[in-house]
PDB file of all heavy atoms in Angstrom:
ATOM      1  N   TYR A   1      96.434 134.953 -98.535  1.00  0.00           N
ATOM      2  CA  TYR A   1      95.009 135.276 -98.386  1.00  0.00           C
ATOM      3  C   TYR A   1      94.417 133.952 -97.835  1.00  0.00           C
ATOM      4  O   TYR A   1      94.339 132.958 -98.594  1.00  0.00           O
ATOM      5  CB  TYR A   1      94.302 135.734 -99.659  1.00  0.00           C
ATOM      6  CG  TYR A   1      92.899 135.785 -99.588  1.00  0.00           C
ATOM      7  CD1 TYR A   1      92.174 136.456 -98.612  1.00  0.00           C
ATOM      8  CD2 TYR A   1      92.141 135.153-100.596  1.00  0.00           C
ATOM      9  CE1 TYR A   1      90.699 136.447 -98.639  1.00  0.00           C
ATOM     10  CE2 TYR A   1      90.720 135.077-100.571  1.00  0.00           C
ATOM     11  CZ  TYR A   1      90.010 135.742 -99.575  1.00  0.00           C
ATOM     12  OH  TYR A   1      88.683 135.770 -99.563  1.00  0.00           O
ATOM     13  N   ASP A   2      93.800 133.952 -96.707  1.00  0.00           N
ATOM     14  CA  ASP A   2      93.168 132.728 -96.124  1.00  0.00           C
ATOM     15  C   ASP A   2      91.734 132.640 -96.521  1.00  0.00           C
ATOM     16  O   ASP A   2      90.918 133.468 -96.063  1.00  0.00           O
ATOM     17  CB  ASP A   2      93.295 132.695 -94.686  1.00  0.00           C
ATOM     18  CG  ASP A   2      93.079 131.323 -94.004  1.00  0.00           C
ATOM     19  OD1 ASP A   2      92.512 130.470 -94.790  1.00  0.00           O
ATOM     20  OD2 ASP A   2      93.235 131.222 -92.883  1.00  0.00           O
ATOM     21  N   ASN A   3      91.405 131.803 -97.519  1.00  0.00           N
ATOM     22  CA  ASN A   3      90.073 131.690 -98.029  1.00  0.00           C
ATOM     23  C   ASN A   3      89.208 130.507 -97.549  1.00  0.00           C
ATOM     24  O   ASN A   3      88.209 130.284 -97.986  1.00  0.00           O
ATOM     25  CB  ASN A   3      90.022 131.645 -99.599  1.00  0.00           C
ATOM     26  CG  ASN A   3      90.806 130.462-100.141  1.00  0.00           C
ATOM     27  OD1 ASN A   3      91.146 129.509 -99.313  1.00  0.00           O
ATOM     28  ND2 ASN A   3      91.071 130.326-101.330  1.00  0.00           N
ATOM     29  N   ARG A   4      89.797 129.874 -96.473  1.00  0.00           N
ATOM     30  CA  ARG A   4      89.299 128.597 -96.019  1.00  0.00           C
ATOM     31  C   ARG A   4      87.771 128.680 -95.584  1.00  0.00           C
ATOM     32  O   ARG A   4      87.079 127.814 -95.761  1.00  0.00           O
ATOM     33  CB  ARG A   4      90.144 127.982 -94.988  1.00  0.00           C
ATOM     34  CG  ARG A   4      91.472 127.396 -95.632  1.00  0.00           C
ATOM     35  CD  ARG A   4      92.309 126.827 -94.509  1.00  0.00           C
ATOM     36  NE  ARG A   4      92.716 127.887 -93.571  1.00  0.00           N
ATOM     37  CZ  ARG A   4      93.169 127.661 -92.230  1.00  0.00           C
ATOM     38  NH1 ARG A   4      93.293 126.435 -91.843  1.00  0.00           N
ATOM     39  NH2 ARG A   4      93.581 128.671 -91.558  1.00  0.00           N
ATOM     40  N   ALA A   5      87.449 129.780 -94.856  1.00  0.00           N
ATOM     41  CA  ALA A   5      86.219 129.929 -94.308  1.00  0.00           C
ATOM     42  C   ALA A   5      85.159 129.983 -95.388  1.00  0.00           C
ATOM     43  O   ALA A   5      84.064 129.345 -95.309  1.00  0.00           O
ATOM     44  CB  ALA A   5      86.052 131.197 -93.426  1.00  0.00           C
ATOM     45  N   GLU A   6      85.341 130.772 -96.356  1.00  0.00           N
ATOM     46  CA  GLU A   6      84.465 130.787 -97.528  1.00  0.00           C
ATOM     47  C   GLU A   6      84.379 129.568 -98.303  1.00  0.00           C
ATOM     48  O   GLU A   6      83.310 129.157 -98.728  1.00  0.00           O
ATOM     49  CB  GLU A   6      84.799 131.975 -98.407  1.00  0.00           C
ATOM     50  CG  GLU A   6      83.778 132.306 -99.502  1.00  0.00           C
ATOM     51  CD  GLU A   6      83.939 133.700 -99.978  1.00  0.00           C
ATOM     52  OE1 GLU A   6      84.924 134.352 -99.771  1.00  0.00           O
ATOM     53  OE2 GLU A   6      83.001 134.134-100.814  1.00  0.00           O
ATOM     54  N   VAL A   7      85.548 128.876 -98.461  1.00  0.00           N
ATOM     55  CA  VAL A   7      85.583 127.590 -99.189  1.00  0.00           C
ATOM     56  C   VAL A   7      84.652 126.599 -98.450  1.00  0.00           C
ATOM     57  O   VAL A   7      83.916 125.858 -98.989  1.00  0.00           O
ATOM     58  CB  VAL A   7      87.011 127.103 -99.309  1.00  0.00           C
ATOM     59  CG1 VAL A   7      86.982 125.631 -99.906  1.00  0.00           C
ATOM     60  CG2 VAL A   7      87.711 127.923-100.339  1.00  0.00           C
ATOM     61  N   GLN A   8      84.854 126.480 -97.190  1.00  0.00           N
ATOM     62  CA  GLN A   8      84.141 125.506 -96.298  1.00  0.00           C
ATOM     63  C   GLN A   8      82.614 125.739 -96.328  1.00  0.00           C
ATOM     64  O   GLN A   8      81.833 124.900 -96.342  1.00  0.00           O
ATOM     65  CB  GLN A   8      84.694 125.522 -94.931  1.00  0.00           C
ATOM     66  CG  GLN A   8      86.045 124.905 -94.836  1.00  0.00           C
ATOM     67  CD  GLN A   8      86.713 125.139 -93.384  1.00  0.00           C
ATOM     68  OE1 GLN A   8      86.154 125.663 -92.604  1.00  0.00           O
ATOM     69  NE2 GLN A   8      87.941 124.622 -93.275  1.00  0.00           N
ATOM     70  N   LYS A   9      82.221 127.052 -96.363  1.00  0.00           N
ATOM     71  CA  LYS A   9      80.803 127.434 -96.388  1.00  0.00           C
ATOM     72  C   LYS A   9      80.178 126.859 -97.706  1.00  0.00           C
ATOM     73  O   LYS A   9      79.120 126.359 -97.683  1.00  0.00           O
ATOM     74  CB  LYS A   9      80.668 128.982 -96.303  1.00  0.00           C
ATOM     75  CG  LYS A   9      79.251 129.454 -96.510  1.00  0.00           C
ATOM     76  CD  LYS A   9      79.216 130.918 -96.425  1.00  0.00           C
ATOM     77  CE  LYS A   9      77.800 131.536 -96.788  1.00  0.00           C
ATOM     78  NZ  LYS A   9      77.790 132.926 -96.918  1.00  0.00           N
ATOM     79  N   VAL A  10      80.966 127.099 -98.815  1.00  0.00           N
ATOM     80  CA  VAL A  10      80.445 126.633-100.140  1.00  0.00           C
ATOM     81  C   VAL A  10      80.293 125.200-100.096  1.00  0.00           C
ATOM     82  O   VAL A  10      79.323 124.597-100.588  1.00  0.00           O
ATOM     83  CB  VAL A  10      81.276 127.286-101.211  1.00  0.00           C
ATOM     84  CG1 VAL A  10      80.859 126.588-102.581  1.00  0.00           C
ATOM     85  CG2 VAL A  10      81.258 128.663-101.325  1.00  0.00           C
ATOM     86  N   LEU A  11      81.298 124.449 -99.561  1.00  0.00           N
ATOM     87  CA  LEU A  11      81.335 122.978 -99.701  1.00  0.00           C
ATOM     88  C   LEU A  11      80.102 122.403 -98.747  1.00  0.00           C
ATOM     89  O   LEU A  11      79.632 121.420 -99.192  1.00  0.00           O
ATOM     90  CB  LEU A  11      82.687 122.504 -99.154  1.00  0.00           C
ATOM     91  CG  LEU A  11      83.843 122.635-100.114  1.00  0.00           C
ATOM     92  CD1 LEU A  11      85.173 122.268 -99.392  1.00  0.00           C
ATOM     93  CD2 LEU A  11      83.662 121.819-101.331  1.00  0.00           C
ATOM     94  N   VAL A  12      79.841 123.100 -97.642  1.00  0.00           N
ATOM     95  CA  VAL A  12      78.760 122.589 -96.799  1.00  0.00           C
ATOM     96  C   VAL A  12      77.439 122.721 -97.492  1.00  0.00           C
ATOM     97  O   VAL A  12      76.648 121.825 -97.510  1.00  0.00           O
ATOM     98  CB  VAL A  12      78.757 123.262 -95.447  1.00  0.00           C
ATOM     99  CG1 VAL A  12      77.388 123.011 -94.755  1.00  0.00           C
ATOM    100  CG2 VAL A  12      79.909 122.971 -94.564  1.00  0.00           C
ATOM    101  N   ILE A  13      77.226 123.872 -98.170  1.00  0.00           N
ATOM    102  CA  ILE A  13      75.935 124.210 -98.889  1.00  0.00           C
ATOM    103  C   ILE A  13      75.820 123.135-100.163  1.00  0.00           C
ATOM    104  O   ILE A  13      74.858 122.498-100.355  1.00  0.00           O
ATOM    105  CB  ILE A  13      76.010 125.600 -99.504  1.00  0.00           C
ATOM    106  CG1 ILE A  13      75.841 126.575 -98.353  1.00  0.00           C
ATOM    107  CG2 ILE A  13      74.813 125.797-100.612  1.00  0.00           C
ATOM    108  CD1 ILE A  13      75.952 128.068 -98.813  1.00  0.00           C
ATOM    109  N   THR A  14      76.910 122.915-100.847  1.00  0.00           N
ATOM    110  CA  THR A  14      76.854 122.005-101.982  1.00  0.00           C
ATOM    111  C   THR A  14      76.794 120.489-101.565  1.00  0.00           C
ATOM    112  O   THR A  14      76.097 119.765-102.257  1.00  0.00           O
ATOM    113  CB  THR A  14      78.114 122.229-102.944  1.00  0.00           C
ATOM    114  OG1 THR A  14      79.165 122.041-102.116  1.00  0.00           O
ATOM    115  CG2 THR A  14      78.018 123.534-103.563  1.00  0.00           C
ATOM    116  N   LEU A  15      77.332 120.251-100.332  1.00  0.00           N
ATOM    117  CA  LEU A  15      77.148 118.838 -99.810  1.00  0.00           C
ATOM    118  C   LEU A  15      75.629 118.575 -99.568  1.00  0.00           C
ATOM    119  O   LEU A  15      75.207 117.504 -99.985  1.00  0.00           O
ATOM    120  CB  LEU A  15      77.951 118.715 -98.541  1.00  0.00           C
ATOM    121  CG  LEU A  15      77.754 117.410 -97.682  1.00  0.00           C
ATOM    122  CD1 LEU A  15      78.075 116.203 -98.592  1.00  0.00           C
ATOM    123  CD2 LEU A  15      78.519 117.423 -96.420  1.00  0.00           C
ATOM    124  N   LEU A  16      74.999 119.504 -98.943  1.00  0.00           N
ATOM    125  CA  LEU A  16      73.508 119.294 -98.635  1.00  0.00           C
ATOM    126  C   LEU A  16      72.746 119.151 -99.972  1.00  0.00           C
ATOM    127  O   LEU A  16      71.824 118.279-100.060  1.00  0.00           O
ATOM    128  CB  LEU A  16      73.045 120.420 -97.804  1.00  0.00           C
ATOM    129  CG  LEU A  16      73.611 120.557 -96.424  1.00  0.00           C
ATOM    130  CD1 LEU A  16      73.142 121.885 -95.794  1.00  0.00           C
ATOM    131  CD2 LEU A  16      73.334 119.366 -95.616  1.00  0.00           C
ATOM    132  N   LEU A  17      73.079 119.951-100.954  1.00  0.00           N
ATOM    133  CA  LEU A  17      72.380 119.862-102.280  1.00  0.00           C
ATOM    134  C   LEU A  17      72.638 118.615-102.967  1.00  0.00           C
ATOM    135  O   LEU A  17      71.744 118.006-103.642  1.00  0.00           O
ATOM    136  CB  LEU A  17      72.683 121.026-103.179  1.00  0.00           C
ATOM    137  CG  LEU A  17      72.238 122.529-102.658  1.00  0.00           C
ATOM    138  CD1 LEU A  17      72.737 123.478-103.541  1.00  0.00           C
ATOM    139  CD2 LEU A  17      70.616 122.503-102.588  1.00  0.00           C
ATOM    140  N   ASN A  18      73.886 118.164-102.965  1.00  0.00           N
ATOM    141  CA  ASN A  18      74.313 116.969-103.623  1.00  0.00           C
ATOM    142  C   ASN A  18      73.594 115.715-102.916  1.00  0.00           C
ATOM    143  O   ASN A  18      73.343 114.759-103.585  1.00  0.00           O
ATOM    144  CB  ASN A  18      75.906 116.828-103.587  1.00  0.00           C
ATOM    145  CG  ASN A  18      76.542 117.675-104.599  1.00  0.00           C
ATOM    146  OD1 ASN A  18      75.888 117.955-105.613  1.00  0.00           O
ATOM    147  ND2 ASN A  18      77.695 118.153-104.326  1.00  0.00           N
ATOM    148  N   LEU A  19      73.437 115.756-101.604  1.00  0.00           N
ATOM    149  CA  LEU A  19      72.832 114.675-100.952  1.00  0.00           C
ATOM    150  C   LEU A  19      71.336 114.521-101.424  1.00  0.00           C
ATOM    151  O   LEU A  19      70.769 113.478-101.517  1.00  0.00           O
ATOM    152  CB  LEU A  19      72.950 114.813 -99.461  1.00  0.00           C
ATOM    153  CG  LEU A  19      74.239 114.510 -98.765  1.00  0.00           C
ATOM    154  CD1 LEU A  19      74.278 114.985 -97.344  1.00  0.00           C
ATOM    155  CD2 LEU A  19      74.651 113.092 -98.842  1.00  0.00           C
ATOM    156  N   LEU A  20      70.667 115.811-101.506  1.00  0.00           N
ATOM    157  CA  LEU A  20      69.324 115.828-102.004  1.00  0.00           C
ATOM    158  C   LEU A  20      69.312 115.200-103.506  1.00  0.00           C
ATOM    159  O   LEU A  20      68.467 114.306-103.780  1.00  0.00           O
ATOM    160  CB  LEU A  20      68.848 117.163-102.115  1.00  0.00           C
ATOM    161  CG  LEU A  20      67.501 117.443-102.782  1.00  0.00           C
ATOM    162  CD1 LEU A  20      66.426 116.726-101.940  1.00  0.00           C
ATOM    163  CD2 LEU A  20      67.197 118.881-102.849  1.00  0.00           C
ATOM    164  N   VAL A  21      70.192 115.606-104.298  1.00  0.00           N
ATOM    165  CA  VAL A  21      70.255 115.066-105.711  1.00  0.00           C
ATOM    166  C   VAL A  21      70.435 113.672-105.788  1.00  0.00           C
ATOM    167  O   VAL A  21      69.842 112.855-106.491  1.00  0.00           O
ATOM    168  CB  VAL A  21      71.457 115.818-106.480  1.00  0.00           C
ATOM    169  CG1 VAL A  21      71.659 115.077-107.798  1.00  0.00           C
ATOM    170  CG2 VAL A  21      70.912 117.344-106.806  1.00  0.00           C
ATOM    171  N   MET A  22      71.454 113.140-104.893  1.00  0.00           N
ATOM    172  CA  MET A  22      71.750 111.737-104.882  1.00  0.00           C
ATOM    173  C   MET A  22      70.480 110.863-104.514  1.00  0.00           C
ATOM    174  O   MET A  22      70.237 109.895-105.029  1.00  0.00           O
ATOM    175  CB  MET A  22      72.880 111.496-103.997  1.00  0.00           C
ATOM    176  CG  MET A  22      73.295 110.012-103.812  1.00  0.00           C
ATOM    177  SD  MET A  22      74.534 109.863-102.466  1.00  0.00           S
ATOM    178  CE  MET A  22      73.484 110.218-101.001  1.00  0.00           C
ATOM    179  N   GLY A  23      69.797 111.449-103.427  1.00  0.00           N
ATOM    180  CA  GLY A  23      68.633 110.603-102.971  1.00  0.00           C
ATOM    181  C   GLY A  23      67.538 110.576-104.047  1.00  0.00           C
ATOM    182  O   GLY A  23      66.881 109.567-104.245  1.00  0.00           O
ATOM    183  N   LEU A  24      67.221 111.736-104.701  1.00  0.00           N
ATOM    184  CA  LEU A  24      66.197 111.721-105.811  1.00  0.00           C
ATOM    185  C   LEU A  24      66.554 110.799-106.917  1.00  0.00           C
ATOM    186  O   LEU A  24      65.727 110.084-107.423  1.00  0.00           O
ATOM    187  CB  LEU A  24      66.025 113.190-106.224  1.00  0.00           C
ATOM    188  CG  LEU A  24      65.392 114.099-105.264  1.00  0.00           C
ATOM    189  CD1 LEU A  24      65.360 115.521-105.823  1.00  0.00           C
ATOM    190  CD2 LEU A  24      63.939 113.652-104.904  1.00  0.00           C
ATOM    191  N   LYS A  25      67.838 110.843-107.371  1.00  0.00           N
ATOM    192  CA  LYS A  25      68.235 109.946-108.452  1.00  0.00           C
ATOM    193  C   LYS A  25      68.105 108.441-108.114  1.00  0.00           C
ATOM    194  O   LYS A  25      67.702 107.581-108.954  1.00  0.00           O
ATOM    195  CB  LYS A  25      69.699 110.307-108.888  1.00  0.00           C
ATOM    196  CG  LYS A  25      69.869 111.577-109.661  1.00  0.00           C
ATOM    197  CD  LYS A  25      71.298 111.740-110.012  1.00  0.00           C
ATOM    198  CE  LYS A  25      71.573 113.154-110.757  1.00  0.00           C
ATOM    199  NZ  LYS A  25      72.952 113.313-111.039  1.00  0.00           N
ATOM    200  N   ALA A  26      68.610 108.185-106.921  1.00  0.00           N
ATOM    201  CA  ALA A  26      68.534 106.771-106.496  1.00  0.00           C
ATOM    202  C   ALA A  26      67.077 106.374-106.428  1.00  0.00           C
ATOM    203  O   ALA A  26      66.667 105.188-106.738  1.00  0.00           O
ATOM    204  CB  ALA A  26      69.166 106.621-105.149  1.00  0.00           C
ATOM    205  N   PHE A  27      66.277 107.164-105.865  1.00  0.00           N
ATOM    206  CA  PHE A  27      64.812 106.769-105.702  1.00  0.00           C
ATOM    207  C   PHE A  27      64.193 106.525-107.101  1.00  0.00           C
ATOM    208  O   PHE A  27      63.505 105.523-107.292  1.00  0.00           O
ATOM    209  CB  PHE A  27      64.045 107.958-104.995  1.00  0.00           C
ATOM    210  CG  PHE A  27      62.562 107.781-105.073  1.00  0.00           C
ATOM    211  CD1 PHE A  27      61.910 106.874-104.198  1.00  0.00           C
ATOM    212  CD2 PHE A  27      61.727 108.637-105.912  1.00  0.00           C
ATOM    213  CE1 PHE A  27      60.510 106.724-104.275  1.00  0.00           C
ATOM    214  CE2 PHE A  27      60.412 108.455-105.970  1.00  0.00           C
ATOM    215  CZ  PHE A  27      59.830 107.527-105.105  1.00  0.00           C
ATOM    216  N   VAL A  28      64.348 107.433-108.049  1.00  0.00           N
ATOM    217  CA  VAL A  28      63.741 107.229-109.327  1.00  0.00           C
ATOM    218  C   VAL A  28      64.534 106.139-110.081  1.00  0.00           C
ATOM    219  O   VAL A  28      63.804 105.273-110.839  1.00  0.00           O
ATOM    220  CB  VAL A  28      63.947 108.605-110.225  1.00  0.00           C
ATOM    221  CG1 VAL A  28      63.376 108.346-111.656  1.00  0.00           C
ATOM    222  CG2 VAL A  28      63.269 109.780-109.522  1.00  0.00           C
ATOM    223  N   GLY A  29      65.815 105.974-109.885  1.00  0.00           N
ATOM    224  CA  GLY A  29      66.476 104.848-110.477  1.00  0.00           C
ATOM    225  C   GLY A  29      65.915 103.500-110.076  1.00  0.00           C
ATOM    226  O   GLY A  29      65.751 102.576-110.974  1.00  0.00           O
ATOM    227  N   TYR A  30      65.766 103.325-108.748  1.00  0.00           N
ATOM    228  CA  TYR A  30      65.293 102.021-108.206  1.00  0.00           C
ATOM    229  C   TYR A  30      63.812 101.802-108.673  1.00  0.00           C
ATOM    230  O   TYR A  30      63.377 100.709-109.080  1.00  0.00           O
ATOM    231  CB  TYR A  30      65.412 101.933-106.702  1.00  0.00           C
ATOM    232  CG  TYR A  30      66.856 101.579-106.302  1.00  0.00           C
ATOM    233  CD1 TYR A  30      67.588 102.391-105.629  1.00  0.00           C
ATOM    234  CD2 TYR A  30      67.366 100.265-106.575  1.00  0.00           C
ATOM    235  CE1 TYR A  30      68.929 102.134-105.272  1.00  0.00           C
ATOM    236  CE2 TYR A  30      68.678  99.943-106.240  1.00  0.00           C
ATOM    237  CZ  TYR A  30      69.379 100.811-105.550  1.00  0.00           C
ATOM    238  OH  TYR A  30      70.661 100.575-105.078  1.00  0.00           O
ATOM    239  N   SER A  31      63.035 102.790-108.702  1.00  0.00           N
ATOM    240  CA  SER A  31      61.601 102.694-109.021  1.00  0.00           C
ATOM    241  C   SER A  31      61.381 102.431-110.487  1.00  0.00           C
ATOM    242  O   SER A  31      60.426 101.692-110.867  1.00  0.00           O
ATOM    243  CB  SER A  31      60.858 103.920-108.636  1.00  0.00           C
ATOM    244  OG  SER A  31      61.218 105.143-109.438  1.00  0.00           O
ATOM    245  N   THR A  32      62.285 102.851-111.334  1.00  0.00           N
ATOM    246  CA  THR A  32      62.204 102.629-112.785  1.00  0.00           C
ATOM    247  C   THR A  32      63.023 101.427-113.359  1.00  0.00           C
ATOM    248  O   THR A  32      62.726 100.901-114.375  1.00  0.00           O
ATOM    249  CB  THR A  32      62.548 103.926-113.592  1.00  0.00           C
ATOM    250  OG1 THR A  32      63.993 104.166-113.334  1.00  0.00           O
ATOM    251  CG2 THR A  32      61.683 105.023-113.212  1.00  0.00           C
ATOM    252  N   GLY A  33      64.012 101.099-112.469  1.00  0.00           N
ATOM    253  CA  GLY A  33      64.964 100.006-112.977  1.00  0.00           C
ATOM    254  C   GLY A  33      65.965 100.453-113.965  1.00  0.00           C
ATOM    255  O   GLY A  33      66.430  99.668-114.801  1.00  0.00           O
ATOM    256  N   SER A  34      66.199 101.825-114.055  1.00  0.00           N
ATOM    257  CA  SER A  34      67.080 102.324-115.078  1.00  0.00           C
ATOM    258  C   SER A  34      68.564 102.228-114.644  1.00  0.00           C
ATOM    259  O   SER A  34      69.058 102.746-113.633  1.00  0.00           O
ATOM    260  CB  SER A  34      66.771 103.845-115.303  1.00  0.00           C
ATOM    261  OG  SER A  34      67.808 104.385-116.074  1.00  0.00           O
ATOM    262  N   LEU A  35      69.290 101.518-115.465  1.00  0.00           N
ATOM    263  CA  LEU A  35      70.791 101.254-115.209  1.00  0.00           C
ATOM    264  C   LEU A  35      71.575 102.649-115.328  1.00  0.00           C
ATOM    265  O   LEU A  35      72.299 102.918-114.493  1.00  0.00           O
ATOM    266  CB  LEU A  35      71.396 100.238-116.196  1.00  0.00           C
ATOM    267  CG  LEU A  35      72.889 100.023-116.086  1.00  0.00           C
ATOM    268  CD1 LEU A  35      73.393  99.540-114.774  1.00  0.00           C
ATOM    269  CD2 LEU A  35      73.332  99.246-117.242  1.00  0.00           C
ATOM    270  N   SER A  36      71.197 103.373-116.354  1.00  0.00           N
ATOM    271  CA  SER A  36      71.898 104.628-116.652  1.00  0.00           C
ATOM    272  C   SER A  36      71.574 105.633-115.337  1.00  0.00           C
ATOM    273  O   SER A  36      72.564 106.354-115.053  1.00  0.00           O
ATOM    274  CB  SER A  36      71.560 105.345-117.991  1.00  0.00           C
ATOM    275  OG  SER A  36      70.181 105.535-117.995  1.00  0.00           O
ATOM    276  N   LEU A  37      70.390 105.552-114.918  1.00  0.00           N
ATOM    277  CA  LEU A  37      70.117 106.607-113.864  1.00  0.00           C
ATOM    278  C   LEU A  37      70.752 106.065-112.534  1.00  0.00           C
ATOM    279  O   LEU A  37      71.199 106.942-111.823  1.00  0.00           O
ATOM    280  CB  LEU A  37      68.566 106.620-113.641  1.00  0.00           C
ATOM    281  CG  LEU A  37      68.062 107.728-112.651  1.00  0.00           C
ATOM    282  CD1 LEU A  37      68.702 109.135-113.021  1.00  0.00           C
ATOM    283  CD2 LEU A  37      66.554 107.808-112.685  1.00  0.00           C
ATOM    284  N   LEU A  38      70.829 104.860-112.351  1.00  0.00           N
ATOM    285  CA  LEU A  38      71.512 104.306-111.104  1.00  0.00           C
ATOM    286  C   LEU A  38      72.952 104.664-111.200  1.00  0.00           C
ATOM    287  O   LEU A  38      73.652 104.966-110.206  1.00  0.00           O
ATOM    288  CB  LEU A  38      71.267 102.831-110.982  1.00  0.00           C
ATOM    289  CG  LEU A  38      69.847 102.401-110.528  1.00  0.00           C
ATOM    290  CD1 LEU A  38      69.699 100.847-110.533  1.00  0.00           C
ATOM    291  CD2 LEU A  38      69.607 102.934-109.115  1.00  0.00           C
ATOM    292  N   ALA A  39      73.514 104.519-112.447  1.00  0.00           N
ATOM    293  CA  ALA A  39      74.935 104.906-112.597  1.00  0.00           C
ATOM    294  C   ALA A  39      75.163 106.441-112.270  1.00  0.00           C
ATOM    295  O   ALA A  39      76.087 106.826-111.768  1.00  0.00           O
ATOM    296  CB  ALA A  39      75.383 104.560-114.057  1.00  0.00           C
TER     297      ALA A  39
END
């Protein structure tokens, strides 16, 4: 069973969401100076 098309679709969606999450955490981390949030 070749599931690659569905796997790749999910990975693209989660990549976009993870980039959003990463940007928001980095923004708040730098603005607050929080080491744990930057980590």
